[in-house]
Protein backbone atom coordinates (compact mmCIF):
# COMPACT_ATOMS: atom_id res chain seq x y z
CA MET A 1 -0.05 0.00 -0.08
CA GLU A 2 2.81 2.41 0.84
CA PHE A 3 4.24 2.05 -2.64
CA LEU A 4 0.87 2.73 -4.19
CA GLU A 5 0.45 5.87 -2.08
CA THR A 6 3.96 7.01 -3.11
CA MET A 7 2.96 6.76 -6.80
CA LYS A 8 -0.30 8.65 -6.24
CA ASN A 9 1.36 11.35 -4.18
CA VAL A 10 3.78 12.04 -7.08
CA LEU A 11 0.88 12.64 -9.49
CA ILE A 12 -0.96 14.74 -6.95
CA LEU A 13 2.04 16.95 -6.22
CA GLU A 14 2.79 17.55 -9.89
CA ALA A 15 -0.87 18.22 -10.76
CA LYS A 16 -0.97 20.80 -7.95
CA ALA A 17 2.18 22.41 -9.28
CA LEU A 18 0.58 22.76 -12.77
CA GLU A 19 -2.59 24.27 -11.23
CA LEU A 20 -0.46 26.86 -9.28
CA ALA A 21 1.41 27.74 -12.51
CA ALA A 22 -1.78 28.14 -14.49
CA ALA A 23 -3.06 30.48 -11.77
CA ARG A 24 0.15 32.66 -12.19
CA ILE A 25 -0.21 33.19 -15.86
CA ASP A 26 -1.60 36.58 -16.75
CA ASP A 27 -2.33 38.88 -19.65
CA LYS A 28 1.27 40.09 -19.79
CA ASP A 29 2.48 36.56 -20.43
CA ALA A 30 0.09 36.20 -23.37
CA ASP A 31 1.02 39.64 -24.64
CA VAL A 32 4.69 38.96 -24.59
CA LEU A 33 4.24 35.74 -26.44
CA THR A 34 2.09 37.44 -29.08
CA SER A 35 4.84 39.98 -29.72
CA PHE A 36 7.46 37.30 -29.60
CA PHE A 37 5.83 35.22 -32.27
CA LYS A 38 4.93 38.19 -34.45
CA LYS A 39 8.52 39.26 -34.54
CA LEU A 40 9.80 35.73 -35.30
CA LYS A 41 7.30 35.22 -38.21
CA GLU A 42 7.90 38.70 -39.67
CA ARG A 43 11.63 38.28 -39.69
CA HIS A 44 11.59 34.55 -40.58
CA GLY A 45 13.64 33.68 -37.60
CA ILE A 46 14.41 30.32 -36.02
CA LEU A 47 13.43 29.51 -32.46
CA TYR A 48 15.99 27.80 -30.30
CA PHE A 49 15.53 25.99 -26.96
CA CYS A 50 18.55 25.79 -24.70
CA GLY A 51 19.13 23.69 -21.64
CA VAL A 52 21.42 21.31 -19.81
CA GLY A 53 20.70 17.82 -18.39
CA LYS A 54 17.01 17.16 -17.78
CA SER A 55 16.24 20.67 -19.07
CA GLY A 56 18.19 19.82 -22.12
CA TYR A 57 15.90 16.94 -22.88
CA ILE A 58 12.93 19.15 -22.37
CA ALA A 59 14.49 21.63 -24.71
CA GLN A 60 14.79 18.92 -27.35
CA LYS A 61 11.22 17.85 -27.01
CA LEU A 62 9.82 21.44 -27.20
CA ALA A 63 12.00 22.18 -30.36
CA SER A 64 10.41 19.09 -31.98
CA THR A 65 6.96 20.17 -30.90
CA PHE A 66 7.31 23.65 -32.42
CA SER A 67 8.80 22.22 -35.62
CA SER A 68 5.77 19.98 -35.97
CA LEU A 69 3.57 23.13 -35.83
CA GLY A 70 5.50 24.68 -38.69
CA LEU A 71 7.90 26.98 -36.81
CA PRO A 72 11.55 26.11 -37.55
CA SER A 73 12.93 25.16 -34.14
CA PHE A 74 16.08 23.57 -32.94
CA PHE A 75 17.90 22.49 -29.71
CA LEU A 76 20.94 24.49 -28.82
CA HIS A 77 23.42 22.75 -26.57
CA PRO A 78 25.17 25.61 -24.64
CA SER A 79 28.48 23.74 -24.32
CA GLU A 80 28.42 22.95 -28.12
CA ALA A 81 27.46 26.48 -28.85
CA MET A 82 30.73 27.67 -27.14
CA HIS A 83 32.66 25.46 -29.50
CA GLY A 84 31.16 26.51 -32.86
CA ASP A 85 27.39 25.98 -32.82
CA LEU A 86 26.85 29.66 -32.13
CA GLY A 87 27.44 29.99 -35.84
CA ARG A 88 23.94 28.66 -36.47
CA LEU A 89 22.35 31.64 -34.92
CA SER A 90 21.61 34.92 -36.64
CA GLU A 91 20.27 38.29 -35.38
CA VAL A 92 16.73 37.39 -36.42
CA ASP A 93 16.60 34.29 -34.24
CA HIS A 94 15.10 33.85 -30.78
CA VAL A 95 15.91 31.58 -27.88
CA ILE A 96 14.05 30.15 -24.89
CA PHE A 97 16.24 29.17 -21.97
CA ILE A 98 15.19 26.33 -19.61
CA SER A 99 16.66 26.09 -16.14
CA LYS A 100 15.25 25.23 -12.71
CA SER A 101 17.80 27.28 -10.78
CA GLY A 102 18.26 30.05 -13.31
CA THR A 103 22.02 29.82 -12.62
CA THR A 104 23.11 27.15 -15.15
CA GLU A 105 26.70 28.14 -15.75
CA GLU A 106 26.85 26.83 -19.37
CA ILE A 107 23.91 28.97 -20.34
CA LEU A 108 25.30 32.11 -18.69
CA LYS A 109 28.52 31.68 -20.58
CA ILE A 110 26.92 31.81 -24.04
CA ILE A 111 24.58 34.76 -23.40
CA PRO A 112 27.24 37.44 -23.99
CA PHE A 113 27.99 35.91 -27.41
CA LEU A 114 24.53 35.67 -28.79
CA PRO A 115 24.00 37.64 -32.03
CA PHE A 116 20.88 39.29 -30.53
CA GLY A 117 19.96 41.11 -27.44
CA THR A 118 17.79 40.21 -24.42
CA GLU A 119 14.64 41.20 -26.39
CA ASN A 120 14.90 37.87 -28.26
CA CYS A 121 15.23 35.92 -25.08
CA LEU A 122 12.60 34.20 -22.97
CA GLY A 123 13.07 31.93 -19.96
CA LEU A 124 11.24 28.93 -18.42
CA LEU A 125 12.92 29.28 -15.03
CA GLY A 126 12.35 28.06 -11.52
CA ASP A 127 13.60 31.41 -10.27
CA LYS A 128 12.39 34.55 -12.10
CA ASN A 129 14.99 36.75 -10.28
CA SER A 130 17.95 34.55 -11.11
CA PRO A 131 21.00 35.60 -13.20
CA ILE A 132 19.52 33.99 -16.35
CA GLY A 133 16.25 35.64 -15.66
CA GLU A 134 17.97 39.02 -15.62
CA LYS A 135 19.20 38.36 -19.19
CA CYS A 136 15.71 37.51 -20.54
CA HIS A 137 13.17 39.83 -21.93
CA HIS A 138 10.43 37.87 -20.04
CA VAL A 139 10.41 34.86 -17.76
CA PHE A 140 7.72 32.33 -17.34
CA ASP A 141 7.41 31.31 -13.69
CA CYS A 142 8.25 27.62 -13.35
CA SER A 143 8.93 27.50 -9.73
CA VAL A 144 7.74 24.63 -7.57
CA GLU A 145 7.32 24.26 -3.86
CA LYS A 146 9.10 20.95 -3.81
CA GLU A 147 10.05 18.09 -5.99
CA ALA A 148 8.05 14.90 -5.94
CA CYS A 149 11.30 13.02 -5.40
CA LEU A 150 11.41 11.66 -1.78
CA ASN A 151 14.65 13.57 -1.16
CA ASN A 152 13.43 16.65 -2.89
CA GLN A 153 16.43 16.38 -5.26
CA ALA A 154 15.73 14.66 -8.62
CA PRO A 155 13.96 16.91 -11.08
CA THR A 156 10.33 15.60 -11.14
CA THR A 157 7.78 18.23 -10.36
CA SER A 158 10.02 20.93 -11.84
CA SER A 159 10.69 19.12 -15.04
CA THR A 160 7.07 18.27 -15.50
CA LEU A 161 6.06 21.95 -15.04
CA ALA A 162 8.77 23.13 -17.46
CA MET A 163 7.55 20.67 -20.10
CA ALA A 164 3.85 21.64 -19.57
CA MET A 165 4.73 25.37 -19.68
CA GLY A 166 6.48 24.79 -22.99
CA ASP A 167 3.51 22.89 -24.27
CA ALA A 168 1.21 25.80 -23.27
CA ILE A 169 3.44 28.20 -25.19
CA ALA A 170 3.43 25.85 -28.17
CA VAL A 171 -0.45 25.61 -28.22
CA MET A 172 -0.64 29.34 -28.01
CA TYR A 173 1.54 29.57 -31.12
CA GLU A 174 -0.78 27.15 -32.79
CA LYS A 175 -3.68 29.40 -31.82
CA TYR A 176 -1.70 32.50 -32.91
CA VAL A 177 -1.15 31.22 -36.43
CA GLY A 178 -4.52 29.56 -36.77
CA LEU A 179 -3.13 26.16 -37.61
CA SER A 180 -5.71 23.82 -39.02
CA LYS A 181 -5.77 20.09 -39.04
CA GLU A 182 -4.85 20.17 -42.68
CA GLY A 183 -1.90 22.48 -42.02
CA PHE A 184 -0.74 20.22 -39.22
CA ALA A 185 -0.97 17.21 -41.50
CA LYS A 186 1.31 19.02 -43.95
CA PHE A 187 4.16 18.61 -41.50
CA HIS A 188 3.31 14.91 -40.82
CA PRO A 189 3.01 13.34 -44.28
CA GLY A 190 4.34 9.93 -43.10
CA GLY A 191 2.27 9.54 -39.96
CA ILE A 192 -1.28 8.20 -39.80
CA LEU A 193 -2.51 11.76 -39.08
CA GLY A 194 -0.93 13.04 -42.29
CA LYS A 195 -2.25 10.11 -44.25
CA SER A 196 -5.77 10.42 -42.81
CA MET A 197 -5.80 14.13 -43.98
CA ARG A 198 -3.99 13.80 -47.29
CA LEU A 199 -3.95 10.23 -48.66
CA LYS A 200 -6.62 9.73 -51.26
CA VAL A 201 -8.42 6.52 -52.39
CA SER A 202 -6.79 6.86 -55.81
CA ASP A 203 -3.38 6.63 -54.03
CA VAL A 204 -4.09 3.22 -52.50
CA MET A 205 -6.67 1.57 -54.73
CA LEU A 206 -6.11 -1.16 -57.41
CA SER A 207 -6.91 0.13 -60.85
CA ALA A 208 -9.70 -1.36 -62.95
CA ASP A 209 -7.17 -3.09 -65.22
CA ASP A 210 -5.89 -5.02 -62.23
CA CYS A 211 -9.38 -6.11 -60.98
CA ALA A 212 -11.53 -8.99 -62.01
CA LYS A 213 -14.50 -7.78 -64.15
CA ALA A 214 -17.51 -9.56 -65.69
CA THR A 215 -20.74 -8.58 -67.50
CA PRO A 216 -24.21 -9.37 -65.93
CA SER A 217 -24.72 -12.16 -68.50
CA GLN A 218 -21.59 -14.07 -67.70
CA SER A 219 -21.69 -17.29 -65.69
CA LEU A 220 -20.24 -17.99 -62.34
CA LYS A 221 -17.76 -20.41 -64.06
CA GLU A 222 -16.44 -17.51 -66.18
CA ILE A 223 -16.28 -15.27 -63.13
CA LEU A 224 -14.33 -17.84 -61.29
CA ILE A 225 -11.73 -18.03 -64.04
CA GLU A 226 -11.55 -14.21 -64.07
CA MET A 227 -11.17 -14.01 -60.22
CA THR A 228 -8.49 -16.75 -60.30
CA ARG A 229 -6.55 -14.72 -62.88
CA LEU A 230 -6.90 -11.43 -60.83
CA PRO A 231 -7.33 -12.58 -57.22
CA VAL A 232 -8.22 -9.30 -55.50
CA GLY A 233 -11.13 -10.59 -53.36
CA GLY A 234 -14.00 -9.54 -55.63
CA CYS A 235 -15.30 -9.14 -59.14
CA ALA A 236 -16.87 -5.96 -60.53
CA VAL A 237 -20.05 -6.54 -62.69
CA VAL A 238 -20.01 -3.93 -65.37
CA GLU A 239 -21.76 -2.85 -68.60
CA GLY A 240 -19.28 -0.96 -70.67
CA GLU A 241 -17.49 0.96 -67.86
CA LYS A 242 -20.46 1.45 -65.71
CA LEU A 243 -20.68 -0.62 -62.42
CA LYS A 244 -23.88 -2.68 -62.07
CA GLY A 245 -22.85 -4.65 -59.01
CA ILE A 246 -20.10 -6.65 -57.39
CA LEU A 247 -19.48 -10.22 -56.36
CA VAL A 248 -17.12 -11.19 -53.46
CA GLU A 249 -15.73 -14.55 -52.44
CA GLY A 250 -18.54 -15.06 -50.01
CA ASP A 251 -21.14 -14.72 -52.78
CA VAL A 252 -19.24 -17.46 -54.72
CA ARG A 253 -19.23 -19.81 -51.79
CA ARG A 254 -22.89 -19.36 -51.15
CA THR A 255 -23.79 -19.90 -54.75
CA LEU A 256 -21.78 -23.09 -54.97
CA THR A 257 -23.15 -24.62 -51.82
CA SER A 258 -26.82 -23.87 -52.71
CA LYS A 259 -28.95 -26.52 -54.29
CA GLU A 260 -30.66 -23.94 -56.44
CA THR A 261 -27.56 -22.37 -58.08
CA GLY A 262 -24.30 -23.57 -59.56
CA LEU A 263 -21.52 -22.72 -62.02
CA GLU A 264 -23.99 -21.68 -64.76
CA THR A 265 -25.68 -19.11 -62.51
CA LEU A 266 -25.45 -15.59 -64.11
CA ALA A 267 -23.67 -12.69 -62.46
CA SER A 268 -26.97 -10.75 -62.51
CA GLU A 269 -28.69 -13.22 -60.40
CA ILE A 270 -26.21 -13.28 -57.55
CA MET A 271 -24.39 -9.89 -57.60
CA THR A 272 -24.91 -7.21 -54.94
CA VAL A 273 -26.67 -4.43 -56.71
CA ASP A 274 -25.88 -0.74 -55.61
CA PRO A 275 -23.05 -1.77 -53.22
CA VAL A 276 -21.35 0.60 -50.87
CA LYS A 277 -18.79 2.49 -52.94
CA VAL A 278 -16.38 5.36 -52.73
CA ASP A 279 -15.14 8.04 -55.09
CA PRO A 280 -11.43 7.95 -56.19
CA GLU A 281 -10.93 11.50 -54.98
CA ALA A 282 -12.24 10.76 -51.51
CA LEU A 283 -9.81 10.52 -48.58
CA ALA A 284 -8.56 7.04 -47.77
CA SER A 285 -9.78 7.61 -44.23
CA GLU A 286 -13.31 7.98 -45.56
CA ALA A 287 -12.98 4.54 -47.34
CA PHE A 288 -11.67 3.07 -44.15
CA SER A 289 -14.64 4.46 -42.21
CA LEU A 290 -17.04 3.03 -44.85
CA MET A 291 -15.41 -0.42 -44.57
CA GLU A 292 -15.07 -0.58 -40.80
CA GLY A 293 -17.78 1.77 -39.57
CA HIS A 294 -20.01 0.21 -36.98
CA ARG A 295 -20.53 -2.98 -39.04
CA PRO A 296 -20.61 -6.34 -37.26
CA ASN A 297 -18.63 -7.62 -40.21
CA PRO A 298 -16.20 -5.15 -41.94
CA LEU A 299 -16.17 -4.85 -45.74
CA ASN A 300 -12.95 -6.33 -47.06
CA ILE A 301 -13.20 -4.73 -50.45
CA LEU A 302 -14.87 -1.51 -51.75
CA PRO A 303 -15.60 -0.61 -55.38
CA VAL A 304 -14.21 2.75 -56.41
CA VAL A 305 -16.61 4.51 -58.69
CA SER A 306 -16.36 7.98 -60.33
CA ALA A 307 -19.11 10.52 -60.31
CA ASP A 308 -20.43 9.27 -63.77
CA GLY A 309 -20.76 5.73 -62.44
CA SER A 310 -17.60 4.35 -64.09
CA PHE A 311 -15.76 1.60 -62.28
CA CYS A 312 -12.23 2.72 -61.39
CA GLY A 313 -11.02 -0.16 -59.34
CA PHE A 314 -11.15 -1.67 -55.84
CA ILE A 315 -9.76 -0.57 -52.51
CA ARG A 316 -9.04 -3.26 -50.05
CA LEU A 317 -9.18 -3.24 -46.27
CA HIS A 318 -5.82 -4.93 -45.78
CA ASP A 319 -4.16 -2.31 -47.99
CA LEU A 320 -5.45 0.35 -45.60
CA PHE A 321 -4.10 -1.63 -42.69
CA LYS A 322 -0.74 -1.68 -44.37
CA GLU A 323 -0.87 2.14 -44.56
CA GLY A 324 -1.44 2.37 -40.84
CA PHE A 325 -5.17 2.74 -40.55
CA ASN A 326 -6.71 0.79 -37.69
């Protein structure tokens, strides 16, 4: 029980620290950020995050977060900066320092050599009146009453608050630039989010030339030959280029096991008329929703049909799984 209580107390302590920090934020904090972002965007500057140790890892995470929101951002290691990495910075760039004590020696050493003044510097500091704080245009108060660590030593509450404060600043930037889901997806083309917002059915589907096709008057025997030649899990029943219905493997099994039907049964007698279908220009995520939806049995294959009713091909559920949809 004492171990369980220890874990719970950590979460309670850190949650309280976040609530206290939220209560400390005021209009000035928001106004400073607005001007900060405005200046960065107008001058096409880069945002750097700088910290050492645990603060360094937080700085790396926040730089990655801002980059994902479309603002070029990088981690600046202060020790490496003293040995050449300062060459990355220009006068239009900005930096956010992260330090619990506000006295991190490595950070204090690089400040005199930055190619810009304090107006381009913000701080996420545990002590607003610290030496680093004095070198910043504005400091966000990341002070905590105590660490969740039993010995009040290991960065726990303080690192959680610094990370959360950075996230709050990032989300404000997202609000400031009015970033949409589509805009966010632009920076995540390889992830499932990007795919769900950008990948089209036409990017994933099998073309009509690669799919089994038959006319309504063809027999099941002929259809089986075509489905064996092009085994995609279904057969489109067409007249000219227009889709009239589809047959899937389940339809074939039911036809062959019925006493009333057999190999000579015509496609028109057993096809599914007006099946669920999707436009080639629709998002792949829409096709996935149609196939999975709230159905007791998902659709494994979906005909792709253009606005004029022409059969364009099939999209298969397992191809969408391969793209990361689930």
